[in-house]
Amino acid sequence: MPIPKKLLNHLDKNKTKYEILKHRTVYTAYDAAQTMKRKLQEIAKTLLVKADKKYYLVVIPAHYKLDLAKVKKLLKAKKVQLAKEGEMKTKFKVKPGAITPFGTIHKVEVLVDKALLKVRDAIFGAGSFTESIRMKVKDFLKTEEAKTGNLGKKK
């Protein structure tokens, strides 16, 4: 399945520079790193989180584990949990593992772990199991107006 046109149009409209990387079928950030022979630090892992009744996309480096307590503190939320696969399918019309970190096309806010700022370029999921997008982290933050914070910890 190719990258959704909606995503490419969004990037082009915002004049965001990106490169499409074709690869064999992968379902996890770890598999993406192995397949593309990249360090886990360069792979941006996207997780859908529900804080109180609102959804957020949380982007962390692939070698990190999400810390829900840190997300809860940053958002000043009462309850934070990972969204269920069914919610991804019904609310966001995406297959689990194919969610993109581009919150503007999903109409949700984006949170990025500060550890991702340590790399210049990162590889982001693009709504496809066979293609990813590589772009500058600072361009991603600007395009998505993402909020940064400490959201995870090394595995």
N, C-alpha and C. Protein backbone atom coordinates (compact mmCIF):
# COMPACT_ATOMS: atom_id res chain seq x y z
N MET A 1 0.84 -1.18 0.00
CA MET A 1 0.00 0.00 0.00
C MET A 1 0.89 1.24 0.00
N PRO A 2 0.64 2.16 -0.94
CA PRO A 2 1.49 3.36 -1.05
C PRO A 2 1.20 4.39 0.04
N ILE A 3 2.05 5.40 0.09
CA ILE A 3 1.85 6.50 1.04
C ILE A 3 0.57 7.24 0.63
N PRO A 4 -0.30 7.53 1.59
CA PRO A 4 -1.55 8.25 1.25
C PRO A 4 -1.27 9.61 0.60
N LYS A 5 -2.02 9.91 -0.45
CA LYS A 5 -1.87 11.19 -1.17
C LYS A 5 -2.08 12.37 -0.23
N LYS A 6 -3.00 12.21 0.72
CA LYS A 6 -3.30 13.26 1.69
C LYS A 6 -2.03 13.70 2.43
N LEU A 7 -1.17 12.73 2.78
CA LEU A 7 0.08 13.04 3.49
C LEU A 7 1.06 13.76 2.57
N LEU A 8 1.25 13.25 1.36
CA LEU A 8 2.18 13.88 0.42
C LEU A 8 1.73 15.29 0.07
N ASN A 9 0.42 15.47 -0.13
CA ASN A 9 -0.12 16.81 -0.42
C ASN A 9 0.13 17.76 0.74
N HIS A 10 -0.03 17.25 1.97
CA HIS A 10 0.20 18.05 3.18
C HIS A 10 1.66 18.53 3.23
N LEU A 11 2.60 17.62 2.97
CA LEU A 11 4.02 17.98 3.00
C LEU A 11 4.37 18.96 1.89
N ASP A 12 3.85 18.71 0.69
CA ASP A 12 4.13 19.59 -0.45
C ASP A 12 3.54 20.98 -0.23
N LYS A 13 2.32 21.03 0.29
CA LYS A 13 1.65 22.31 0.54
C LYS A 13 2.45 23.16 1.53
N ASN A 14 3.08 22.49 2.51
CA ASN A 14 3.87 23.19 3.52
C ASN A 14 5.33 23.37 3.09
N LYS A 15 5.63 23.01 1.84
CA LYS A 15 6.99 23.12 1.28
C LYS A 15 8.02 22.42 2.17
N THR A 16 7.63 21.27 2.70
CA THR A 16 8.51 20.49 3.56
C THR A 16 9.33 19.54 2.69
N LYS A 17 10.64 19.58 2.86
CA LYS A 17 11.51 18.68 2.09
C LYS A 17 11.47 17.30 2.74
N TYR A 18 11.33 16.27 1.89
CA TYR A 18 11.31 14.90 2.39
C TYR A 18 11.80 13.95 1.30
N GLU A 19 12.15 12.76 1.72
CA GLU A 19 12.58 11.72 0.79
C GLU A 19 11.76 10.47 1.09
N ILE A 20 11.26 9.84 0.06
CA ILE A 20 10.50 8.59 0.23
C ILE A 20 11.49 7.43 0.16
N LEU A 21 11.46 6.59 1.18
CA LEU A 21 12.33 5.41 1.22
C LEU A 21 11.48 4.17 1.01
N LYS A 22 11.78 3.43 -0.03
CA LYS A 22 11.07 2.16 -0.29
C LYS A 22 11.84 1.04 0.42
N HIS A 23 11.10 0.09 0.96
CA HIS A 23 11.74 -1.03 1.68
C HIS A 23 10.80 -2.22 1.70
N ARG A 24 11.33 -3.35 2.18
CA ARG A 24 10.44 -4.51 2.26
C ARG A 24 9.38 -4.26 3.34
N THR A 25 8.35 -5.03 3.34
CA THR A 25 7.23 -4.85 4.27
C THR A 25 7.70 -4.95 5.72
N VAL A 26 7.39 -3.92 6.51
CA VAL A 26 7.71 -3.91 7.94
C VAL A 26 6.48 -3.43 8.72
N TYR A 27 6.36 -3.93 9.95
CA TYR A 27 5.22 -3.56 10.79
C TYR A 27 5.63 -2.84 12.07
N THR A 28 6.93 -2.82 12.38
CA THR A 28 7.38 -2.17 13.62
C THR A 28 8.57 -1.26 13.32
N ALA A 29 8.82 -0.33 14.23
CA ALA A 29 9.96 0.57 14.09
C ALA A 29 11.27 -0.23 14.12
N TYR A 30 11.31 -1.28 14.94
CA TYR A 30 12.51 -2.11 15.03
C TYR A 30 12.79 -2.78 13.69
N ASP A 31 11.74 -3.34 13.07
CA ASP A 31 11.90 -3.98 11.77
C ASP A 31 12.36 -2.97 10.71
N ALA A 32 11.83 -1.76 10.79
CA ALA A 32 12.23 -0.71 9.84
C ALA A 32 13.72 -0.42 9.96
N ALA A 33 14.20 -0.33 11.19
CA ALA A 33 15.63 -0.07 11.42
C ALA A 33 16.49 -1.20 10.85
N GLN A 34 16.09 -2.44 11.11
CA GLN A 34 16.83 -3.61 10.62
C GLN A 34 16.83 -3.64 9.09
N THR A 35 15.67 -3.46 8.49
CA THR A 35 15.52 -3.52 7.04
C THR A 35 16.33 -2.44 6.33
N MET A 36 16.28 -1.23 6.87
CA MET A 36 16.97 -0.10 6.22
C MET A 36 18.40 0.07 6.71
N LYS A 37 18.83 -0.85 7.59
CA LYS A 37 20.18 -0.80 8.17
C LYS A 37 20.47 0.59 8.77
N ARG A 38 19.56 1.01 9.64
CA ARG A 38 19.68 2.30 10.33
C ARG A 38 19.73 2.06 11.83
N LYS A 39 20.26 3.06 12.54
CA LYS A 39 20.26 2.98 14.00
C LYS A 39 18.85 3.26 14.50
N LEU A 40 18.49 2.63 15.63
CA LEU A 40 17.16 2.84 16.20
C LEU A 40 16.89 4.31 16.53
N GLN A 41 17.96 5.06 16.86
CA GLN A 41 17.81 6.48 17.19
C GLN A 41 17.26 7.28 16.02
N GLU A 42 17.49 6.80 14.79
CA GLU A 42 17.06 7.52 13.59
C GLU A 42 15.63 7.21 13.18
N ILE A 43 15.03 6.24 13.82
CA ILE A 43 13.66 5.83 13.48
C ILE A 43 12.68 6.45 14.48
N ALA A 44 11.71 7.18 13.95
CA ALA A 44 10.70 7.81 14.80
C ALA A 44 9.52 6.84 14.94
N LYS A 45 9.26 6.44 16.17
CA LYS A 45 8.15 5.52 16.46
C LYS A 45 6.94 6.35 16.86
N THR A 46 5.80 6.06 16.26
CA THR A 46 4.58 6.83 16.53
C THR A 46 3.59 5.98 17.31
N LEU A 47 3.09 6.54 18.40
CA LEU A 47 2.10 5.85 19.23
C LEU A 47 0.88 6.74 19.39
N LEU A 48 -0.28 6.13 19.38
CA LEU A 48 -1.53 6.87 19.58
C LEU A 48 -1.91 6.74 21.04
N VAL A 49 -2.04 7.88 21.69
CA VAL A 49 -2.33 7.92 23.12
C VAL A 49 -3.65 8.65 23.34
N LYS A 50 -4.39 8.17 24.33
CA LYS A 50 -5.64 8.83 24.70
C LYS A 50 -5.43 9.42 26.10
N ALA A 51 -5.53 10.73 26.18
CA ALA A 51 -5.39 11.42 27.47
C ALA A 51 -6.74 12.01 27.81
N ASP A 52 -7.31 11.55 28.92
CA ASP A 52 -8.68 11.87 29.27
C ASP A 52 -9.56 11.44 28.08
N LYS A 53 -10.18 12.36 27.37
CA LYS A 53 -11.00 11.94 26.22
C LYS A 53 -10.42 12.40 24.88
N LYS A 54 -9.18 12.88 24.90
CA LYS A 54 -8.58 13.45 23.70
C LYS A 54 -7.42 12.57 23.21
N TYR A 55 -7.27 12.47 21.89
CA TYR A 55 -6.18 11.68 21.31
C TYR A 55 -4.97 12.55 20.98
N TYR A 56 -3.79 11.95 21.10
CA TYR A 56 -2.52 12.60 20.76
C TYR A 56 -1.65 11.58 20.03
N LEU A 57 -0.82 12.08 19.12
CA LEU A 57 0.21 11.23 18.52
C LEU A 57 1.49 11.54 19.25
N VAL A 58 2.13 10.51 19.78
CA VAL A 58 3.38 10.68 20.51
C VAL A 58 4.49 10.05 19.68
N VAL A 59 5.54 10.83 19.43
CA VAL A 59 6.65 10.37 18.60
C VAL A 59 7.90 10.28 19.47
N ILE A 60 8.47 9.07 19.51
CA ILE A 60 9.68 8.84 20.30
C ILE A 60 10.68 8.08 19.44
N PRO A 61 11.98 8.16 19.78
CA PRO A 61 12.95 7.35 19.03
C PRO A 61 12.65 5.86 19.26
N ALA A 62 12.96 5.04 18.26
CA ALA A 62 12.62 3.61 18.33
C ALA A 62 13.31 2.87 19.47
N HIS A 63 14.42 3.41 19.98
CA HIS A 63 15.11 2.73 21.09
C HIS A 63 14.57 3.19 22.45
N TYR A 64 13.48 3.93 22.43
CA TYR A 64 12.84 4.40 23.66
C TYR A 64 11.53 3.66 23.90
N LYS A 65 11.16 3.66 25.17
CA LYS A 65 9.89 3.09 25.59
C LYS A 65 9.05 4.26 26.10
N LEU A 66 7.79 4.31 25.73
CA LEU A 66 6.93 5.40 26.16
C LEU A 66 6.68 5.31 27.67
N ASP A 67 6.75 6.45 28.34
CA ASP A 67 6.47 6.53 29.76
C ASP A 67 5.15 7.31 29.93
N LEU A 68 4.07 6.57 30.15
CA LEU A 68 2.76 7.20 30.24
C LEU A 68 2.66 8.22 31.38
N ALA A 69 3.40 8.00 32.44
CA ALA A 69 3.39 8.95 33.57
C ALA A 69 3.95 10.31 33.13
N LYS A 70 4.99 10.29 32.27
CA LYS A 70 5.57 11.54 31.77
C LYS A 70 4.60 12.26 30.84
N VAL A 71 3.88 11.49 30.03
CA VAL A 71 2.89 12.07 29.12
C VAL A 71 1.77 12.71 29.94
N LYS A 72 1.33 12.00 30.97
CA LYS A 72 0.27 12.48 31.86
C LYS A 72 0.67 13.82 32.50
N LYS A 73 1.92 13.89 32.95
CA LYS A 73 2.42 15.10 33.60
C LYS A 73 2.48 16.27 32.59
N LEU A 74 3.02 15.99 31.39
CA LEU A 74 3.13 17.04 30.37
C LEU A 74 1.76 17.60 29.99
N LEU A 75 0.78 16.72 29.85
CA LEU A 75 -0.56 17.14 29.42
C LEU A 75 -1.46 17.56 30.58
N LYS A 76 -0.97 17.35 31.81
CA LYS A 76 -1.77 17.63 33.01
C LYS A 76 -3.12 16.91 32.92
N ALA A 77 -3.05 15.63 32.52
CA ALA A 77 -4.25 14.82 32.34
C ALA A 77 -4.50 13.96 33.57
N LYS A 78 -5.75 13.54 33.73
CA LYS A 78 -6.11 12.66 34.84
C LYS A 78 -5.80 11.21 34.50
N LYS A 79 -6.10 10.83 33.23
CA LYS A 79 -5.92 9.43 32.82
C LYS A 79 -5.27 9.40 31.43
N VAL A 80 -4.20 8.60 31.29
CA VAL A 80 -3.52 8.46 30.01
C VAL A 80 -3.33 6.98 29.72
N GLN A 81 -3.65 6.59 28.48
CA GLN A 81 -3.44 5.18 28.09
C GLN A 81 -3.16 5.11 26.60
N LEU A 82 -2.56 4.00 26.19
CA LEU A 82 -2.37 3.77 24.76
C LEU A 82 -3.74 3.50 24.16
N ALA A 83 -3.98 4.03 22.98
CA ALA A 83 -5.26 3.78 22.31
C ALA A 83 -5.30 2.32 21.85
N LYS A 84 -6.48 1.77 21.81
CA LYS A 84 -6.65 0.38 21.37
C LYS A 84 -6.63 0.31 19.85
N GLU A 85 -6.25 -0.87 19.32
CA GLU A 85 -6.19 -1.05 17.87
C GLU A 85 -7.52 -0.72 17.20
N GLY A 86 -8.61 -1.10 17.84
CA GLY A 86 -9.94 -0.83 17.29
C GLY A 86 -10.20 0.66 17.11
N GLU A 87 -9.67 1.48 18.05
CA GLU A 87 -9.84 2.93 17.96
C GLU A 87 -9.08 3.48 16.76
N MET A 88 -7.92 2.90 16.48
CA MET A 88 -7.14 3.33 15.31
C MET A 88 -7.93 3.09 14.04
N LYS A 89 -8.54 1.90 13.97
CA LYS A 89 -9.31 1.54 12.77
C LYS A 89 -10.55 2.40 12.61
N THR A 90 -11.32 2.59 13.69
CA THR A 90 -12.59 3.31 13.57
C THR A 90 -12.43 4.83 13.54
N LYS A 91 -11.63 5.38 14.43
CA LYS A 91 -11.51 6.84 14.52
C LYS A 91 -10.53 7.43 13.50
N PHE A 92 -9.47 6.69 13.18
CA PHE A 92 -8.43 7.24 12.31
C PHE A 92 -8.33 6.55 10.96
N LYS A 93 -9.13 5.51 10.76
CA LYS A 93 -9.17 4.77 9.49
C LYS A 93 -7.79 4.29 9.03
N VAL A 94 -6.99 3.81 9.99
CA VAL A 94 -5.67 3.26 9.64
C VAL A 94 -5.50 1.88 10.25
N LYS A 95 -4.67 1.10 9.61
CA LYS A 95 -4.36 -0.22 10.14
C LYS A 95 -3.34 -0.04 11.26
N PRO A 96 -3.43 -0.85 12.33
CA PRO A 96 -2.42 -0.77 13.39
C PRO A 96 -1.03 -0.96 12.78
N GLY A 97 -0.10 -0.09 13.20
CA GLY A 97 1.26 -0.15 12.66
C GLY A 97 1.45 0.77 11.47
N ALA A 98 0.37 1.35 10.97
CA ALA A 98 0.49 2.23 9.80
C ALA A 98 0.12 3.68 10.11
N ILE A 99 0.00 4.02 11.38
CA ILE A 99 -0.36 5.40 11.72
C ILE A 99 0.85 6.29 11.43
N THR A 100 0.59 7.47 10.92
CA THR A 100 1.68 8.40 10.65
C THR A 100 1.78 9.37 11.82
N PRO A 101 2.96 9.99 11.99
CA PRO A 101 3.09 10.97 13.07
C PRO A 101 2.59 12.36 12.68
N PHE A 102 1.99 12.45 11.50
CA PHE A 102 1.55 13.74 10.99
C PHE A 102 0.14 14.05 11.50
N GLY A 103 0.10 14.65 12.68
CA GLY A 103 -1.16 14.91 13.37
C GLY A 103 -2.11 15.82 12.62
N THR A 104 -1.56 16.71 11.80
CA THR A 104 -2.43 17.63 11.08
C THR A 104 -3.37 16.89 10.13
N ILE A 105 -2.92 15.77 9.54
CA ILE A 105 -3.83 15.04 8.64
C ILE A 105 -4.82 14.18 9.42
N HIS A 106 -4.48 13.88 10.69
CA HIS A 106 -5.39 13.11 11.54
C HIS A 106 -6.21 14.03 12.47
N LYS A 107 -5.90 15.33 12.42
CA LYS A 107 -6.56 16.35 13.25
C LYS A 107 -6.36 16.11 14.75
N VAL A 108 -5.13 15.75 15.11
CA VAL A 108 -4.76 15.61 16.53
C VAL A 108 -3.41 16.29 16.77
N GLU A 109 -3.16 16.64 18.04
CA GLU A 109 -1.88 17.26 18.40
C GLU A 109 -0.77 16.22 18.41
N VAL A 110 0.45 16.71 18.18
CA VAL A 110 1.62 15.84 18.15
C VAL A 110 2.56 16.21 19.29
N LEU A 111 3.03 15.19 20.01
CA LEU A 111 4.02 15.37 21.07
C LEU A 111 5.28 14.62 20.65
N VAL A 112 6.44 15.25 20.78
CA VAL A 112 7.70 14.63 20.37
C VAL A 112 8.66 14.59 21.54
N ASP A 113 9.26 13.43 21.76
CA ASP A 113 10.26 13.30 22.82
C ASP A 113 11.51 14.08 22.43
N LYS A 114 12.07 14.82 23.38
CA LYS A 114 13.25 15.64 23.13
C LYS A 114 14.44 14.83 22.63
N ALA A 115 14.49 13.53 22.94
CA ALA A 115 15.60 12.69 22.51
C ALA A 115 15.67 12.60 20.98
N LEU A 116 14.55 12.78 20.31
CA LEU A 116 14.55 12.73 18.84
C LEU A 116 15.28 13.93 18.24
N LEU A 117 15.42 14.99 19.03
CA LEU A 117 16.11 16.19 18.55
C LEU A 117 17.62 15.98 18.44
N LYS A 118 18.11 14.86 18.97
CA LYS A 118 19.54 14.57 18.93
C LYS A 118 20.00 14.13 17.54
N VAL A 119 19.06 13.73 16.68
CA VAL A 119 19.42 13.37 15.31
C VAL A 119 18.93 14.46 14.37
N ARG A 120 19.68 14.67 13.30
CA ARG A 120 19.30 15.71 12.33
C ARG A 120 18.12 15.25 11.47
N ASP A 121 18.29 14.07 10.88
CA ASP A 121 17.26 13.48 10.04
C ASP A 121 16.69 12.26 10.73
N ALA A 122 15.39 12.04 10.57
CA ALA A 122 14.76 10.85 11.13
C ALA A 122 13.87 10.21 10.06
N ILE A 123 13.57 8.95 10.27
CA ILE A 123 12.71 8.22 9.35
C ILE A 123 11.36 8.05 10.04
N PHE A 124 10.33 8.54 9.38
CA PHE A 124 8.98 8.55 9.94
C PHE A 124 8.08 7.58 9.19
N GLY A 125 7.16 6.96 9.93
CA GLY A 125 6.14 6.13 9.31
C GLY A 125 5.28 7.01 8.41
N ALA A 126 4.84 6.43 7.29
CA ALA A 126 4.12 7.25 6.32
C ALA A 126 2.78 6.65 5.91
N GLY A 127 2.21 5.81 6.78
CA GLY A 127 0.92 5.22 6.43
C GLY A 127 1.03 4.07 5.46
N SER A 128 2.24 3.55 5.31
CA SER A 128 2.50 2.45 4.38
C SER A 128 3.41 1.45 5.09
N PHE A 129 3.28 0.16 4.75
CA PHE A 129 4.17 -0.84 5.33
C PHE A 129 5.41 -1.04 4.47
N THR A 130 5.45 -0.40 3.26
CA THR A 130 6.57 -0.61 2.33
C THR A 130 7.30 0.69 1.97
N GLU A 131 6.85 1.82 2.53
CA GLU A 131 7.52 3.09 2.27
C GLU A 131 7.52 3.92 3.55
N SER A 132 8.63 4.64 3.75
CA SER A 132 8.75 5.55 4.89
C SER A 132 9.22 6.89 4.36
N ILE A 133 9.19 7.88 5.22
CA ILE A 133 9.62 9.22 4.84
C ILE A 133 10.80 9.64 5.71
N ARG A 134 11.86 10.13 5.05
CA ARG A 134 12.99 10.67 5.81
C ARG A 134 12.97 12.19 5.64
N MET A 135 13.09 12.88 6.76
CA MET A 135 13.12 14.34 6.72
C MET A 135 13.85 14.87 7.95
N LYS A 136 14.17 16.14 7.92
CA LYS A 136 14.83 16.77 9.06
C LYS A 136 13.83 16.85 10.23
N VAL A 137 14.32 16.54 11.41
CA VAL A 137 13.46 16.57 12.60
C VAL A 137 12.90 17.97 12.81
N LYS A 138 13.75 18.98 12.60
CA LYS A 138 13.27 20.37 12.81
C LYS A 138 12.16 20.73 11.82
N ASP A 139 12.22 20.19 10.60
CA ASP A 139 11.16 20.44 9.62
C ASP A 139 9.86 19.75 10.05
N PHE A 140 10.00 18.54 10.60
CA PHE A 140 8.82 17.83 11.09
C PHE A 140 8.15 18.64 12.21
N LEU A 141 8.95 19.11 13.16
CA LEU A 141 8.41 19.88 14.30
C LEU A 141 7.68 21.13 13.82
N LYS A 142 8.27 21.81 12.83
CA LYS A 142 7.68 23.03 12.31
C LYS A 142 6.38 22.74 11.56
N THR A 143 6.40 21.74 10.69
CA THR A 143 5.22 21.40 9.89
C THR A 143 4.04 20.98 10.77
N GLU A 144 4.36 20.23 11.83
CA GLU A 144 3.30 19.70 12.70
C GLU A 144 3.01 20.57 13.92
N GLU A 145 3.80 21.64 14.12
CA GLU A 145 3.66 22.49 15.30
C GLU A 145 3.63 21.62 16.55
N ALA A 146 4.57 20.68 16.59
CA ALA A 146 4.62 19.70 17.67
C ALA A 146 5.15 20.29 18.97
N LYS A 147 4.63 19.76 20.06
CA LYS A 147 5.08 20.13 21.40
C LYS A 147 6.16 19.11 21.80
N THR A 148 7.25 19.56 22.40
CA THR A 148 8.30 18.64 22.81
C THR A 148 8.34 18.50 24.33
N GLY A 149 8.85 17.36 24.78
CA GLY A 149 8.98 17.10 26.20
C GLY A 149 9.67 15.77 26.41
N ASN A 150 9.91 15.44 27.68
CA ASN A 150 10.48 14.13 28.00
C ASN A 150 9.32 13.15 28.14
N LEU A 151 9.22 12.24 27.19
CA LEU A 151 8.05 11.36 27.13
C LEU A 151 8.38 9.88 27.25
N GLY A 152 9.64 9.56 27.15
CA GLY A 152 10.02 8.15 27.20
C GLY A 152 11.31 7.93 27.94
N LYS A 153 11.77 6.68 27.88
CA LYS A 153 13.07 6.36 28.47
C LYS A 153 13.69 5.24 27.65
N LYS A 154 15.02 5.19 27.69
CA LYS A 154 15.72 4.15 26.92
C LYS A 154 15.29 2.78 27.40
N LYS A 155 15.18 1.87 26.44
CA LYS A 155 14.79 0.49 26.77
C LYS A 155 15.91 -0.21 27.49
